[in-house]
Amino acid sequence: MKHTFESWLKPYIDGLIQQKRTDGFVYLSEEYHLKKLDEFCALQLPDEAPITKDFAHEWTKLKPSESETSRRSRVNALRQLGLYMLSLGRDVYVPQHSGKVTRPVLYIPSRKEISAFFAKLDVWECRGNKHFSLRLANEYKILFRLYYCCGLRVSEARLLKRDNVDFDKGILTILESKGKKDRLVFLPDDGRQMLRDYLMYIQDIAPDSHWLFPGKDMNAPISQCSIGARFKACWDSLSFAKNAYKRPTPHCLRHAFVVERMNDWMKQGLDTQELLPYLSKYLGHKSPSETFYYYHLVDNAFAVIREKDSVSNRVIPEVMDYEEI
């Protein structure tokens, strides 16, 4: 365990964490919230007073500058601990779930915006240490293309090791991704050659590093903060960025991959219902509905659907402008 606990909840928290990890859960962020709960209990209930509804109410109040997501995590920490204590015969108040989780509105860049982004990225000027900046510039060119062309998550690409790439078969091996799942990602032919050329370059620059995308320290992967900073700087330099209702993130390139695949399938007249489960597995999603969530948020998605729908033009009449009536 990373934390030690000081309040009278210590044996229960230790027992809960041990049980969860025995069941296969990583339970790191939960341990952090339990540590905060332990500190809160030491102040509010120093004499092993029972956990009451009033105590739970104080613990679950939304803090200034705290997100609703973080608050829900704190509520769940107390809830899981309470259920564990109940199973041991302790009288304890267990808070209910904190409500439905609302997913954030995504900004999914258009193909035109993606093209402009990569054009800018490819001519990015190096600053400071020219040797180091040039290496990172070449890493970003490949890294961001993996997000867009293969739909990888940010951590999946940045944590790739050179041994995870099979150039003969054109396969990336993704290990212990979201949900502790492993999967294989097949590269397009041009992507295979792109990575082959890049690997020759990075082996010459950093021969002793086993990371495909080493950071400033050659023995560590490039940091997530560095990836986010370069994406933000490149996006903000584009002429249309200031008119966008929301700034995208590197993860939005993964969303754009989903949209492009489904649009291409519909334009080719393919059955998206049959193909969606395969795309879901390729992305490492739990279900096809999670994959389709990305698609239904795109403004121009339904224009593609309407274009391919021969029935809608007959059933749904065109709405005329008022002045033309």
Protein backbone atom coordinates (compact mmCIF):
# COMPACT_ATOMS: atom_id res chain seq x y z
CA MET A 1 0.00 0.00 0.00
CA LYS A 2 1.13 3.53 -0.72
CA HIS A 3 -0.57 5.08 2.31
CA THR A 4 -0.71 4.42 6.03
CA PHE A 5 -3.90 5.05 7.96
CA GLU A 6 -4.17 6.60 11.41
CA SER A 7 -7.85 6.74 12.40
CA TRP A 8 -9.92 3.96 13.98
CA LEU A 9 -11.00 3.06 10.42
CA LYS A 10 -7.51 1.69 9.71
CA PRO A 11 -8.25 -2.07 10.07
CA TYR A 12 -11.38 -1.73 7.95
CA ILE A 13 -9.65 0.29 5.22
CA ASP A 14 -6.71 -2.12 5.15
CA GLY A 15 -9.11 -5.05 4.94
CA LEU A 16 -11.15 -3.47 2.13
CA ILE A 17 -8.07 -2.67 0.03
CA GLN A 18 -6.65 -6.15 0.54
CA GLN A 19 -9.97 -7.72 -0.48
CA LYS A 20 -10.28 -5.56 -3.61
CA ARG A 21 -6.75 -6.34 -4.74
CA THR A 22 -7.26 -10.02 -4.09
CA ASP A 23 -10.25 -9.76 -6.43
CA GLY A 24 -7.99 -8.29 -9.13
CA PHE A 25 -8.65 -4.55 -8.78
CA VAL A 26 -5.70 -2.13 -8.87
CA TYR A 27 -7.43 0.16 -6.34
CA LEU A 28 -4.91 3.01 -6.39
CA SER A 29 -7.15 6.07 -6.82
CA GLU A 30 -9.60 4.48 -4.37
CA GLU A 31 -6.79 4.11 -1.83
CA TYR A 32 -6.06 7.82 -2.21
CA HIS A 33 -9.68 8.74 -1.43
CA LEU A 34 -9.71 6.33 1.51
CA LYS A 35 -6.60 8.07 2.86
CA LYS A 36 -8.44 11.39 2.71
CA LEU A 37 -11.43 9.76 4.39
CA ASP A 38 -9.11 8.44 7.11
CA GLU A 39 -7.79 11.97 7.75
CA PHE A 40 -11.33 13.34 7.80
CA CYS A 41 -12.41 10.67 10.28
CA ALA A 42 -9.43 11.40 12.57
CA LEU A 43 -10.70 14.98 12.88
CA GLN A 44 -14.44 14.35 12.99
CA LEU A 45 -14.70 11.00 14.78
CA PRO A 46 -11.58 10.56 16.92
CA ASP A 47 -13.24 8.32 19.54
CA GLU A 48 -14.58 5.58 17.24
CA ALA A 49 -18.01 7.15 17.11
CA PRO A 50 -20.30 5.46 14.56
CA ILE A 51 -20.43 6.67 10.98
CA THR A 52 -23.77 8.44 10.80
CA LYS A 53 -25.79 10.12 8.09
CA ASP A 54 -24.53 13.53 9.29
CA PHE A 55 -20.91 12.37 9.00
CA ALA A 56 -21.56 11.04 5.49
CA HIS A 57 -23.30 14.28 4.53
CA GLU A 58 -20.27 16.35 5.57
CA TRP A 59 -17.89 14.04 3.75
CA THR A 60 -19.86 14.07 0.49
CA LYS A 61 -20.34 17.85 0.21
CA LEU A 62 -18.97 19.29 -3.02
CA LYS A 63 -15.76 21.19 -2.26
CA PRO A 64 -14.83 24.54 -3.83
CA SER A 65 -13.13 24.01 -7.21
CA GLU A 66 -13.87 20.24 -7.01
CA SER A 67 -15.38 18.51 -10.02
CA GLU A 68 -18.52 16.43 -9.74
CA THR A 69 -16.53 13.41 -10.92
CA SER A 70 -14.09 13.75 -8.03
CA ARG A 71 -16.94 14.13 -5.54
CA ARG A 72 -18.58 10.95 -6.85
CA SER A 73 -15.30 9.12 -6.31
CA ARG A 74 -15.22 10.25 -2.68
CA VAL A 75 -18.82 9.17 -2.18
CA ASN A 76 -18.05 5.77 -3.64
CA ALA A 77 -15.01 5.36 -1.35
CA LEU A 78 -17.20 5.80 1.73
CA ARG A 79 -19.93 3.63 0.24
CA GLN A 80 -17.57 0.71 -0.47
CA LEU A 81 -16.02 1.00 2.98
CA GLY A 82 -19.47 1.10 4.59
CA LEU A 83 -20.61 -2.02 2.74
CA TYR A 84 -17.43 -3.80 3.81
CA MET A 85 -17.95 -2.79 7.45
CA LEU A 86 -21.58 -3.93 7.32
CA SER A 87 -20.40 -7.35 6.13
CA LEU A 88 -18.28 -7.52 9.32
CA GLY A 89 -21.24 -6.71 11.54
CA ARG A 90 -20.50 -3.02 12.18
CA ASP A 91 -23.42 -0.59 12.40
CA VAL A 92 -22.61 2.07 9.79
CA TYR A 93 -24.50 4.45 7.53
CA VAL A 94 -23.93 3.71 3.82
CA PRO A 95 -24.52 6.63 1.41
CA GLN A 96 -26.40 5.99 -1.80
CA HIS A 97 -24.93 6.45 -5.23
CA SER A 98 -24.32 10.12 -6.05
CA GLY A 99 -26.41 10.17 -9.19
CA LYS A 100 -26.01 9.43 -12.85
CA VAL A 101 -22.62 10.08 -14.38
CA THR A 102 -22.85 12.63 -17.18
CA ARG A 103 -20.31 12.26 -19.94
CA PRO A 104 -18.56 15.42 -21.16
CA VAL A 105 -19.37 16.98 -24.51
CA LEU A 106 -16.68 15.98 -26.97
CA TYR A 107 -15.13 18.08 -29.70
CA ILE A 108 -14.38 15.82 -32.64
CA PRO A 109 -12.23 17.56 -35.28
CA SER A 110 -13.34 17.40 -38.89
CA ARG A 111 -11.16 15.87 -41.61
CA LYS A 112 -10.24 19.37 -42.77
CA GLU A 113 -9.15 20.36 -39.27
CA ILE A 114 -7.17 17.13 -38.89
CA SER A 115 -5.34 17.80 -42.17
CA ALA A 116 -4.46 21.32 -41.07
CA PHE A 117 -3.28 20.03 -37.69
CA PHE A 118 -0.87 17.50 -39.20
CA ALA A 119 0.38 19.98 -41.79
CA LYS A 120 1.29 22.35 -38.95
CA LEU A 121 2.75 19.57 -36.82
CA ASP A 122 5.06 18.43 -39.63
CA VAL A 123 6.71 21.85 -39.98
CA TRP A 124 6.89 22.68 -36.28
CA GLU A 125 9.97 24.77 -35.49
CA CYS A 126 12.41 23.40 -32.93
CA ARG A 127 13.38 25.59 -30.01
CA GLY A 128 15.92 25.42 -27.20
CA ASN A 129 18.06 22.29 -27.40
CA LYS A 130 17.90 21.61 -31.14
CA HIS A 131 18.93 17.97 -30.88
CA PHE A 132 16.35 17.15 -28.19
CA SER A 133 13.59 19.24 -29.81
CA LEU A 134 14.14 17.63 -33.20
CA ARG A 135 13.85 14.16 -31.68
CA LEU A 136 10.60 15.05 -29.91
CA ALA A 137 9.24 16.70 -33.06
CA ASN A 138 9.78 13.45 -34.96
CA GLU A 139 8.18 11.46 -32.13
CA TYR A 140 5.06 13.65 -32.10
CA LYS A 141 4.57 13.20 -35.85
CA ILE A 142 4.27 9.45 -35.40
CA LEU A 143 2.56 9.47 -32.00
CA PHE A 144 -0.37 11.68 -33.06
CA ARG A 145 -0.82 9.69 -36.27
CA LEU A 146 -1.21 6.51 -34.23
CA TYR A 147 -4.02 8.18 -32.29
CA TYR A 148 -5.81 9.20 -35.48
CA CYS A 149 -5.01 6.29 -37.80
CA CYS A 150 -5.29 3.43 -35.28
CA GLY A 151 -7.62 4.92 -32.65
CA LEU A 152 -5.21 4.36 -29.78
CA ARG A 153 -5.70 5.88 -26.35
CA VAL A 154 -3.09 8.43 -25.26
CA SER A 155 -1.44 6.08 -22.76
CA GLU A 156 -1.57 3.10 -25.13
CA ALA A 157 0.67 4.77 -27.70
CA ARG A 158 3.06 6.60 -25.37
CA LEU A 159 3.71 3.43 -23.33
CA LEU A 160 4.50 1.27 -26.36
CA LYS A 161 7.80 -0.55 -26.20
CA ARG A 162 9.77 -1.48 -29.27
CA ASP A 163 9.11 -5.14 -28.57
CA ASN A 164 5.37 -4.42 -28.80
CA VAL A 165 5.63 -3.81 -32.56
CA ASP A 166 5.58 -6.76 -34.96
CA PHE A 167 6.57 -5.32 -38.33
CA ASP A 168 6.31 -8.63 -40.19
CA LYS A 169 2.64 -9.02 -39.28
CA GLY A 170 1.90 -5.30 -38.85
CA ILE A 171 0.59 -5.68 -35.30
CA LEU A 172 0.82 -3.54 -32.18
CA THR A 173 0.47 -5.38 -28.87
CA ILE A 174 -1.34 -3.24 -26.30
CA LEU A 175 -0.73 -4.52 -22.78
CA GLU A 176 -2.76 -3.77 -19.64
CA SER A 177 -4.81 -0.95 -21.12
CA LYS A 178 -8.07 0.38 -19.70
CA GLY A 179 -9.77 -2.31 -17.63
CA LYS A 180 -6.45 -4.21 -17.45
CA LYS A 181 -7.12 -5.64 -20.92
CA ASP A 182 -4.63 -6.69 -23.59
CA ARG A 183 -5.40 -6.55 -27.30
CA LEU A 184 -3.84 -6.58 -30.76
CA VAL A 185 -4.09 -3.58 -33.10
CA PHE A 186 -3.46 -4.15 -36.79
CA LEU A 187 -1.61 -1.43 -38.68
CA PRO A 188 -2.53 -0.21 -42.16
CA ASP A 189 0.18 -0.87 -44.76
CA ASP A 190 1.35 2.75 -44.89
CA GLY A 191 1.33 2.85 -41.09
CA ARG A 192 3.59 -0.21 -40.97
CA GLN A 193 6.15 1.45 -43.22
CA MET A 194 5.86 4.72 -41.29
CA LEU A 195 6.67 2.94 -38.03
CA ARG A 196 9.46 0.92 -39.64
CA ASP A 197 11.18 4.11 -40.82
CA TYR A 198 10.66 5.76 -37.44
CA LEU A 199 12.08 2.78 -35.54
CA MET A 200 15.27 2.90 -37.60
CA TYR A 201 15.55 6.59 -36.72
CA ILE A 202 14.87 6.24 -32.99
CA GLN A 203 17.19 3.22 -32.64
CA ASP A 204 19.99 5.34 -34.04
CA ILE A 205 19.20 8.27 -31.72
CA ALA A 206 18.42 6.25 -28.57
CA PRO A 207 19.83 2.73 -29.08
CA ASP A 208 19.61 1.71 -25.41
CA SER A 209 15.99 2.74 -24.76
CA HIS A 210 13.32 0.06 -24.99
CA TRP A 211 10.56 2.68 -25.30
CA LEU A 212 9.17 3.42 -28.75
CA PHE A 213 8.61 7.06 -27.71
CA PRO A 214 11.26 7.94 -25.11
CA GLY A 215 10.93 11.19 -23.19
CA LYS A 216 13.58 13.65 -22.08
CA ASP A 217 14.96 10.80 -20.01
CA MET A 218 15.71 8.09 -22.58
CA ASN A 219 14.87 5.40 -20.03
CA ALA A 220 11.32 6.69 -19.52
CA PRO A 221 8.40 7.13 -21.95
CA ILE A 222 7.34 10.56 -23.13
CA SER A 223 5.08 12.18 -20.54
CA GLN A 224 1.37 12.72 -20.94
CA CYS A 225 1.82 16.40 -20.02
CA SER A 226 4.29 16.88 -22.88
CA ILE A 227 1.85 15.28 -25.33
CA GLY A 228 -0.98 17.52 -24.16
CA ALA A 229 1.19 20.64 -24.29
CA ARG A 230 2.37 19.99 -27.85
CA PHE A 231 -1.16 19.21 -29.05
CA LYS A 232 -2.51 22.39 -27.46
CA ALA A 233 0.25 24.58 -28.90
CA CYS A 234 -0.18 23.14 -32.38
CA TRP A 235 -3.99 23.35 -32.31
CA ASP A 236 -4.04 26.91 -30.96
CA SER A 237 -1.74 28.04 -33.80
CA LEU A 238 -4.35 27.08 -36.42
CA SER A 239 -6.51 29.84 -37.87
CA PHE A 240 -9.86 28.20 -37.08
CA ALA A 241 -9.00 27.23 -33.48
CA LYS A 242 -10.34 30.46 -31.95
CA ASN A 243 -13.76 29.89 -33.50
CA ALA A 244 -14.15 26.34 -32.16
CA TYR A 245 -16.67 26.04 -29.32
CA LYS A 246 -14.25 23.81 -27.40
CA ARG A 247 -10.56 22.98 -27.62
CA PRO A 248 -10.00 19.30 -28.47
CA THR A 249 -7.49 17.09 -26.69
CA PRO A 250 -5.16 14.38 -28.04
CA HIS A 251 -7.83 11.82 -27.13
CA CYS A 252 -10.18 13.49 -29.62
CA LEU A 253 -8.02 12.06 -32.43
CA ARG A 254 -9.20 8.63 -31.29
CA HIS A 255 -12.80 9.83 -31.49
CA ALA A 256 -12.17 11.19 -34.98
CA PHE A 257 -10.85 7.76 -36.02
CA VAL A 258 -14.21 6.20 -35.07
CA VAL A 259 -16.17 8.82 -36.98
CA GLU A 260 -14.05 8.46 -40.13
CA ARG A 261 -14.35 4.66 -40.11
CA MET A 262 -18.13 4.70 -39.76
CA ASN A 263 -18.58 7.41 -42.36
CA ASP A 264 -16.43 5.46 -44.82
CA TRP A 265 -18.42 2.28 -44.19
CA MET A 266 -21.72 4.02 -44.87
CA LYS A 267 -20.42 5.69 -48.02
CA GLN A 268 -19.32 2.25 -49.24
CA GLY A 269 -22.77 0.83 -48.46
CA LEU A 270 -21.45 -1.56 -45.80
CA ASP A 271 -23.57 -2.77 -42.87
CA THR A 272 -22.38 -0.77 -39.85
CA GLN A 273 -24.39 -2.95 -37.45
CA GLU A 274 -22.35 -5.98 -38.48
CA LEU A 275 -19.01 -4.15 -38.46
CA LEU A 276 -19.47 -2.13 -35.26
CA PRO A 277 -18.67 -5.04 -32.87
CA TYR A 278 -15.34 -5.56 -34.65
CA LEU A 279 -14.50 -1.87 -34.36
CA SER A 280 -15.44 -1.98 -30.69
CA LYS A 281 -13.01 -4.86 -30.08
CA TYR A 282 -10.32 -3.09 -32.08
CA LEU A 283 -10.66 -0.01 -29.85
CA GLY A 284 -10.78 -1.98 -26.60
CA HIS A 285 -14.32 -0.84 -25.75
CA LYS A 286 -16.65 -2.80 -23.48
CA SER A 287 -19.49 -2.78 -25.99
CA PRO A 288 -20.50 -1.44 -29.43
CA SER A 289 -22.75 1.14 -27.73
CA GLU A 290 -19.66 2.75 -26.18
CA THR A 291 -18.13 3.02 -29.65
CA PHE A 292 -21.27 4.50 -31.21
CA TYR A 293 -21.38 7.15 -28.49
CA TYR A 294 -18.47 8.91 -30.23
CA TYR A 295 -20.29 8.90 -33.54
CA HIS A 296 -23.68 10.27 -32.55
CA LEU A 297 -22.13 13.49 -31.19
CA VAL A 298 -20.78 14.62 -34.57
CA ASP A 299 -22.69 17.35 -36.35
CA ASN A 300 -22.13 16.02 -39.86
CA ALA A 301 -22.69 12.37 -38.97
CA PHE A 302 -26.39 12.44 -39.70
CA ALA A 303 -25.78 14.23 -42.99
CA VAL A 304 -23.93 11.08 -44.10
CA ILE A 305 -26.77 8.91 -42.83
CA ARG A 306 -29.36 10.99 -44.67
CA GLU A 307 -27.28 10.90 -47.86
CA LYS A 308 -27.30 7.09 -47.77
CA ASP A 309 -30.93 6.79 -46.67
CA SER A 310 -33.10 6.48 -49.74
CA VAL A 311 -36.31 6.33 -47.69
CA SER A 312 -35.97 9.53 -45.65
CA ASN A 313 -36.24 11.81 -48.68
CA ARG A 314 -39.65 10.34 -49.46
CA VAL A 315 -40.97 10.20 -45.89
CA ILE A 316 -39.57 13.45 -44.47
CA PRO A 317 -40.59 16.44 -46.62
CA GLU A 318 -38.19 19.30 -47.17
CA VAL A 319 -38.89 22.26 -44.87
CA MET A 320 -39.22 25.44 -46.90
CA ASP A 321 -38.08 28.81 -45.65
CA TYR A 322 -40.95 30.98 -44.35
CA GLU A 323 -40.43 33.66 -46.98
CA GLU A 324 -40.80 31.11 -49.75
CA ILE A 325 -44.24 29.91 -48.59
